[in-house]
């Protein structure tokens, strides 16, 4: 028994809508795959930058610790040199003018 004309039109319309829905589904699935790919790339980039930032934080901490050690070493040497200066001042009884005395020329130190 053949379908009436309006029944055939309804079936054709249903098939056309189904094909349109399948095409829309495929388009949306493709857009989803592209979005997931972009998301994976963005996550990888963020992780790479996080590793770089963590490495920079570690390096800054190392440099700060090195600076602190060097400041401590400088303070020790400064104290040592001040002590030596005080001992020399006491031993040589040099007047303290607040200025460094220029070194004597070699001719002036040799007595003839």
N, C-alpha and C. Protein backbone atom coordinates (compact mmCIF):
# COMPACT_ATOMS: atom_id res chain seq x y z
N UNK A 1 0.84 -1.17 0.00
CA UNK A 1 0.00 0.00 0.00
C UNK A 1 0.89 1.24 0.00
N UNK A 2 0.79 2.02 -1.04
CA UNK A 2 1.58 3.23 -1.16
C UNK A 2 1.08 4.31 -0.22
N UNK A 3 2.01 5.19 0.17
CA UNK A 3 1.69 6.29 1.08
C UNK A 3 0.99 7.40 0.32
N UNK A 4 0.10 8.08 0.99
CA UNK A 4 -0.50 9.24 0.35
C UNK A 4 0.55 10.34 0.18
N UNK A 5 0.27 11.31 -0.61
CA UNK A 5 1.21 12.38 -0.94
C UNK A 5 1.64 13.15 0.31
N UNK A 6 0.70 13.43 1.18
CA UNK A 6 1.09 14.17 2.40
C UNK A 6 1.91 13.29 3.33
N UNK A 7 1.68 12.00 3.32
CA UNK A 7 2.48 11.06 4.11
C UNK A 7 3.90 10.98 3.58
N UNK A 8 4.02 10.94 2.23
CA UNK A 8 5.33 10.91 1.60
C UNK A 8 6.08 12.21 1.88
N UNK A 9 5.40 13.32 1.87
CA UNK A 9 6.01 14.62 2.16
C UNK A 9 6.48 14.65 3.61
N UNK A 10 5.70 14.05 4.50
CA UNK A 10 6.07 14.01 5.91
C UNK A 10 7.32 13.17 6.11
N UNK A 11 7.40 12.04 5.42
CA UNK A 11 8.58 11.17 5.52
C UNK A 11 9.80 11.89 4.95
N UNK A 12 9.65 12.53 3.82
CA UNK A 12 10.77 13.27 3.22
C UNK A 12 11.22 14.41 4.13
N UNK A 13 10.26 15.09 4.70
CA UNK A 13 10.60 16.18 5.63
C UNK A 13 11.35 15.63 6.84
N UNK A 14 10.87 14.49 7.38
CA UNK A 14 11.53 13.86 8.51
C UNK A 14 12.95 13.44 8.18
N UNK A 15 13.15 12.84 6.99
CA UNK A 15 14.49 12.44 6.57
C UNK A 15 15.40 13.66 6.37
N UNK A 16 14.86 14.71 5.81
CA UNK A 16 15.65 15.93 5.61
C UNK A 16 16.05 16.52 6.97
N UNK A 17 15.14 16.55 7.90
CA UNK A 17 15.44 17.06 9.25
C UNK A 17 16.48 16.17 9.93
N UNK A 18 16.36 14.86 9.76
CA UNK A 18 17.32 13.92 10.36
C UNK A 18 18.71 14.16 9.78
N UNK A 19 18.81 14.29 8.46
CA UNK A 19 20.10 14.55 7.82
C UNK A 19 20.67 15.90 8.27
N UNK A 20 19.81 16.88 8.40
CA UNK A 20 20.25 18.19 8.88
C UNK A 20 20.77 18.08 10.31
N UNK A 21 20.05 17.29 11.14
CA UNK A 21 20.48 17.09 12.53
C UNK A 21 21.81 16.36 12.58
N UNK A 22 21.99 15.33 11.73
CA UNK A 22 23.28 14.62 11.69
C UNK A 22 24.41 15.56 11.26
N UNK A 23 24.16 16.39 10.28
CA UNK A 23 25.19 17.33 9.82
C UNK A 23 25.52 18.33 10.94
N UNK A 24 24.50 18.80 11.64
CA UNK A 24 24.72 19.73 12.76
C UNK A 24 25.51 19.04 13.87
N UNK A 25 25.16 17.77 14.15
CA UNK A 25 25.89 17.00 15.17
C UNK A 25 27.36 16.88 14.78
N UNK A 26 27.64 16.55 13.53
CA UNK A 26 29.02 16.40 13.06
C UNK A 26 29.77 17.73 13.14
N UNK A 27 29.09 18.82 12.79
CA UNK A 27 29.72 20.14 12.87
C UNK A 27 30.05 20.50 14.31
N UNK A 28 29.11 20.23 15.21
CA UNK A 28 29.33 20.54 16.63
C UNK A 28 30.42 19.63 17.21
N UNK A 29 30.42 18.36 16.80
CA UNK A 29 31.47 17.44 17.28
C UNK A 29 32.85 17.90 16.81
N UNK A 30 32.93 18.38 15.57
CA UNK A 30 34.20 18.89 15.06
C UNK A 30 34.62 20.15 15.81
N UNK A 31 33.68 21.03 16.08
CA UNK A 31 33.98 22.25 16.85
C UNK A 31 34.44 21.88 18.26
N UNK A 32 33.83 20.84 18.84
CA UNK A 32 34.24 20.38 20.18
C UNK A 32 35.66 19.84 20.15
N UNK A 33 35.99 19.05 19.13
CA UNK A 33 37.35 18.52 19.02
C UNK A 33 38.36 19.66 18.89
N UNK A 34 38.03 20.65 18.08
CA UNK A 34 38.93 21.79 17.92
C UNK A 34 39.08 22.55 19.24
N UNK A 35 37.99 22.72 19.96
CA UNK A 35 38.05 23.42 21.25
C UNK A 35 38.87 22.61 22.25
N UNK A 36 38.71 21.29 22.24
CA UNK A 36 39.50 20.44 23.15
C UNK A 36 40.97 20.51 22.80
N UNK A 37 41.29 20.54 21.50
CA UNK A 37 42.69 20.67 21.08
C UNK A 37 43.28 22.01 21.55
N UNK A 38 42.52 23.09 21.36
CA UNK A 38 42.99 24.40 21.84
C UNK A 38 43.17 24.40 23.36
N UNK A 39 42.25 23.73 24.05
CA UNK A 39 42.34 23.65 25.51
C UNK A 39 43.59 22.89 25.93
N UNK A 40 43.86 21.75 25.28
CA UNK A 40 45.07 20.98 25.62
C UNK A 40 46.33 21.81 25.37
N UNK A 41 46.36 22.53 24.25
CA UNK A 41 47.52 23.38 23.97
C UNK A 41 47.66 24.49 25.01
N UNK A 42 46.55 25.08 25.40
CA UNK A 42 46.59 26.15 26.41
C UNK A 42 47.06 25.60 27.75
N UNK A 43 46.58 24.41 28.12
CA UNK A 43 47.00 23.80 29.39
C UNK A 43 48.50 23.50 29.35
N UNK A 44 48.97 22.97 28.21
CA UNK A 44 50.40 22.68 28.08
C UNK A 44 51.22 23.97 28.18
N UNK A 45 50.74 25.03 27.58
CA UNK A 45 51.46 26.32 27.64
C UNK A 45 51.48 26.86 29.06
N UNK A 46 50.36 26.76 29.76
CA UNK A 46 50.30 27.23 31.15
C UNK A 46 51.24 26.41 32.02
N UNK A 47 51.26 25.09 31.83
CA UNK A 47 52.17 24.25 32.62
C UNK A 47 53.62 24.59 32.33
N UNK A 48 53.93 24.85 31.06
CA UNK A 48 55.30 25.22 30.70
C UNK A 48 55.68 26.54 31.38
N UNK A 49 54.77 27.49 31.35
CA UNK A 49 55.06 28.78 32.00
C UNK A 49 55.16 28.63 33.51
N UNK A 50 54.32 27.75 34.09
CA UNK A 50 54.41 27.52 35.53
C UNK A 50 55.76 26.92 35.89
N UNK A 51 56.26 25.99 35.06
CA UNK A 51 57.58 25.42 35.32
C UNK A 51 58.65 26.49 35.21
N UNK A 52 58.53 27.35 34.21
CA UNK A 52 59.51 28.43 34.04
C UNK A 52 59.47 29.38 35.23
N UNK A 53 58.28 29.71 35.68
CA UNK A 53 58.14 30.61 36.83
C UNK A 53 58.71 29.96 38.08
N UNK A 54 58.43 28.66 38.27
CA UNK A 54 58.97 27.96 39.43
C UNK A 54 60.49 27.94 39.38
N UNK A 55 61.06 27.72 38.20
CA UNK A 55 62.52 27.73 38.05
C UNK A 55 63.08 29.12 38.36
N UNK A 56 62.39 30.16 37.91
CA UNK A 56 62.85 31.52 38.20
C UNK A 56 62.77 31.82 39.70
N UNK A 57 61.70 31.35 40.36
CA UNK A 57 61.59 31.55 41.80
C UNK A 57 62.74 30.83 42.53
N UNK A 58 63.06 29.61 42.07
CA UNK A 58 64.16 28.86 42.68
C UNK A 58 65.48 29.60 42.47
N UNK A 59 65.68 30.11 41.27
CA UNK A 59 66.93 30.83 40.98
C UNK A 59 67.03 32.11 41.80
N UNK A 60 65.93 32.83 41.94
CA UNK A 60 65.92 34.05 42.76
C UNK A 60 66.27 33.70 44.20
N UNK A 61 65.69 32.61 44.71
CA UNK A 61 65.99 32.20 46.09
C UNK A 61 67.48 31.86 46.23
N UNK A 62 68.05 31.18 45.24
CA UNK A 62 69.48 30.87 45.28
C UNK A 62 70.31 32.15 45.30
N UNK A 63 69.95 33.08 44.43
CA UNK A 63 70.72 34.33 44.35
C UNK A 63 70.57 35.16 45.62
N UNK A 64 69.39 35.16 46.21
CA UNK A 64 69.20 35.89 47.47
C UNK A 64 70.04 35.26 48.58
N UNK A 65 70.08 33.93 48.63
CA UNK A 65 70.90 33.24 49.63
C UNK A 65 72.37 33.55 49.40
N UNK A 66 72.80 33.57 48.14
CA UNK A 66 74.19 33.89 47.82
C UNK A 66 74.51 35.33 48.22
N UNK A 67 73.59 36.24 47.93
CA UNK A 67 73.78 37.64 48.33
C UNK A 67 73.89 37.75 49.84
N UNK A 68 73.02 37.06 50.57
CA UNK A 68 73.06 37.11 52.03
C UNK A 68 74.39 36.58 52.57
N UNK A 69 74.89 35.50 51.95
CA UNK A 69 76.20 34.97 52.38
C UNK A 69 77.30 36.00 52.12
N UNK A 70 77.24 36.63 50.96
CA UNK A 70 78.28 37.61 50.62
C UNK A 70 78.20 38.85 51.51
N UNK A 71 77.00 39.28 51.86
CA UNK A 71 76.86 40.40 52.78
C UNK A 71 77.44 40.03 54.14
N UNK A 72 77.17 38.80 54.58
CA UNK A 72 77.74 38.33 55.84
C UNK A 72 79.26 38.28 55.78
N UNK A 73 79.79 37.77 54.66
CA UNK A 73 81.25 37.73 54.50
C UNK A 73 81.83 39.15 54.50
N UNK A 74 81.15 40.07 53.85
CA UNK A 74 81.61 41.45 53.82
C UNK A 74 81.64 42.03 55.23
N UNK A 75 80.60 41.76 56.01
CA UNK A 75 80.55 42.28 57.38
C UNK A 75 81.71 41.72 58.21
N UNK A 76 82.00 40.44 58.02
CA UNK A 76 83.13 39.83 58.75
C UNK A 76 84.43 40.49 58.33
N UNK A 77 84.63 40.66 57.02
CA UNK A 77 85.88 41.27 56.56
C UNK A 77 85.98 42.73 57.00
N UNK A 78 84.87 43.44 56.96
CA UNK A 78 84.87 44.83 57.40
C UNK A 78 85.27 44.92 58.87
N UNK A 79 84.72 44.02 59.68
CA UNK A 79 85.06 44.00 61.10
C UNK A 79 86.53 43.65 61.29
N UNK A 80 87.02 42.69 60.53
CA UNK A 80 88.43 42.31 60.61
C UNK A 80 89.33 43.48 60.23
N UNK A 81 89.03 44.15 59.15
CA UNK A 81 89.86 45.28 58.72
C UNK A 81 89.77 46.44 59.71
N UNK A 82 88.61 46.66 60.28
CA UNK A 82 88.49 47.71 61.30
C UNK A 82 89.34 47.36 62.51
N UNK A 83 89.36 46.09 62.88
CA UNK A 83 90.19 45.65 64.01
C UNK A 83 91.67 45.83 63.69
N UNK A 84 92.05 45.45 62.48
CA UNK A 84 93.46 45.63 62.09
C UNK A 84 93.81 47.11 62.07
N UNK A 85 92.90 47.93 61.55
CA UNK A 85 93.15 49.37 61.52
C UNK A 85 93.30 49.92 62.94
N UNK A 86 92.45 49.46 63.85
CA UNK A 86 92.54 49.93 65.23
C UNK A 86 93.87 49.51 65.86
N UNK A 87 94.29 48.28 65.55
CA UNK A 87 95.58 47.83 66.10
C UNK A 87 96.73 48.63 65.51
N UNK A 88 96.68 48.90 64.21
CA UNK A 88 97.74 49.70 63.59
C UNK A 88 97.74 51.12 64.15
N UNK A 89 96.55 51.69 64.30
CA UNK A 89 96.47 53.04 64.86
C UNK A 89 97.05 53.08 66.27
N UNK A 90 96.73 52.06 67.05
CA UNK A 90 97.25 52.02 68.42
C UNK A 90 98.76 51.80 68.42
N UNK A 91 99.25 50.99 67.53
CA UNK A 91 100.67 50.68 67.50
C UNK A 91 101.48 51.83 66.93
N UNK A 92 100.97 52.43 65.86
CA UNK A 92 101.73 53.47 65.20
C UNK A 92 101.41 54.87 65.72
N UNK A 93 100.35 54.99 66.48
CA UNK A 93 99.93 56.27 67.03
C UNK A 93 99.77 57.32 65.93
N UNK A 94 99.09 56.94 64.84
CA UNK A 94 98.87 57.87 63.75
C UNK A 94 97.71 58.79 64.10
N UNK A 95 97.79 60.05 63.70
CA UNK A 95 96.64 60.91 63.95
C UNK A 95 95.48 60.50 63.04
N UNK A 96 94.31 60.49 63.58
CA UNK A 96 93.13 60.09 62.81
C UNK A 96 92.52 61.35 62.20
N UNK A 97 92.75 61.54 60.91
CA UNK A 97 92.23 62.71 60.22
C UNK A 97 90.90 62.42 59.56
N UNK A 98 90.51 61.18 59.54
CA UNK A 98 89.26 60.81 58.88
C UNK A 98 89.46 60.56 57.40
N UNK A 99 90.66 60.81 56.91
CA UNK A 99 90.96 60.56 55.50
C UNK A 99 92.04 59.50 55.43
N UNK A 100 92.00 58.81 54.34
CA UNK A 100 93.04 57.81 54.11
C UNK A 100 94.33 58.55 53.78
N UNK A 101 95.42 58.11 54.33
CA UNK A 101 96.70 58.73 54.01
C UNK A 101 97.21 58.10 52.72
N UNK A 102 97.66 58.94 51.79
CA UNK A 102 98.15 58.37 50.53
C UNK A 102 99.43 57.60 50.78
N UNK A 103 99.65 56.55 50.06
CA UNK A 103 100.89 55.79 50.26
C UNK A 103 102.09 56.62 49.83
N UNK A 104 103.18 56.40 50.52
CA UNK A 104 104.39 57.14 50.20
C UNK A 104 105.01 56.58 48.93
N UNK A 105 105.68 57.47 48.24
CA UNK A 105 106.37 57.05 47.03
C UNK A 105 107.60 56.25 47.45
N UNK A 106 108.03 55.33 46.63
CA UNK A 106 109.19 54.50 47.00
C UNK A 106 110.44 55.32 47.32
N UNK A 107 110.62 56.47 46.67
CA UNK A 107 111.79 57.30 46.96
C UNK A 107 111.77 57.85 48.36
N UNK A 108 110.57 58.13 48.91
CA UNK A 108 110.45 58.74 50.23
C UNK A 108 110.69 57.72 51.33
N UNK A 109 110.46 56.43 51.07
CA UNK A 109 110.62 55.43 52.10
C UNK A 109 112.05 54.97 52.24
N UNK A 110 112.84 55.19 51.23
CA UNK A 110 114.25 54.75 51.31
C UNK A 110 115.04 55.88 51.96
N UNK A 111 115.71 55.57 53.06
CA UNK A 111 116.52 56.60 53.73
C UNK A 111 117.97 56.41 53.30
N UNK A 112 118.61 57.49 52.92
CA UNK A 112 120.01 57.42 52.47
C UNK A 112 120.91 58.15 53.41
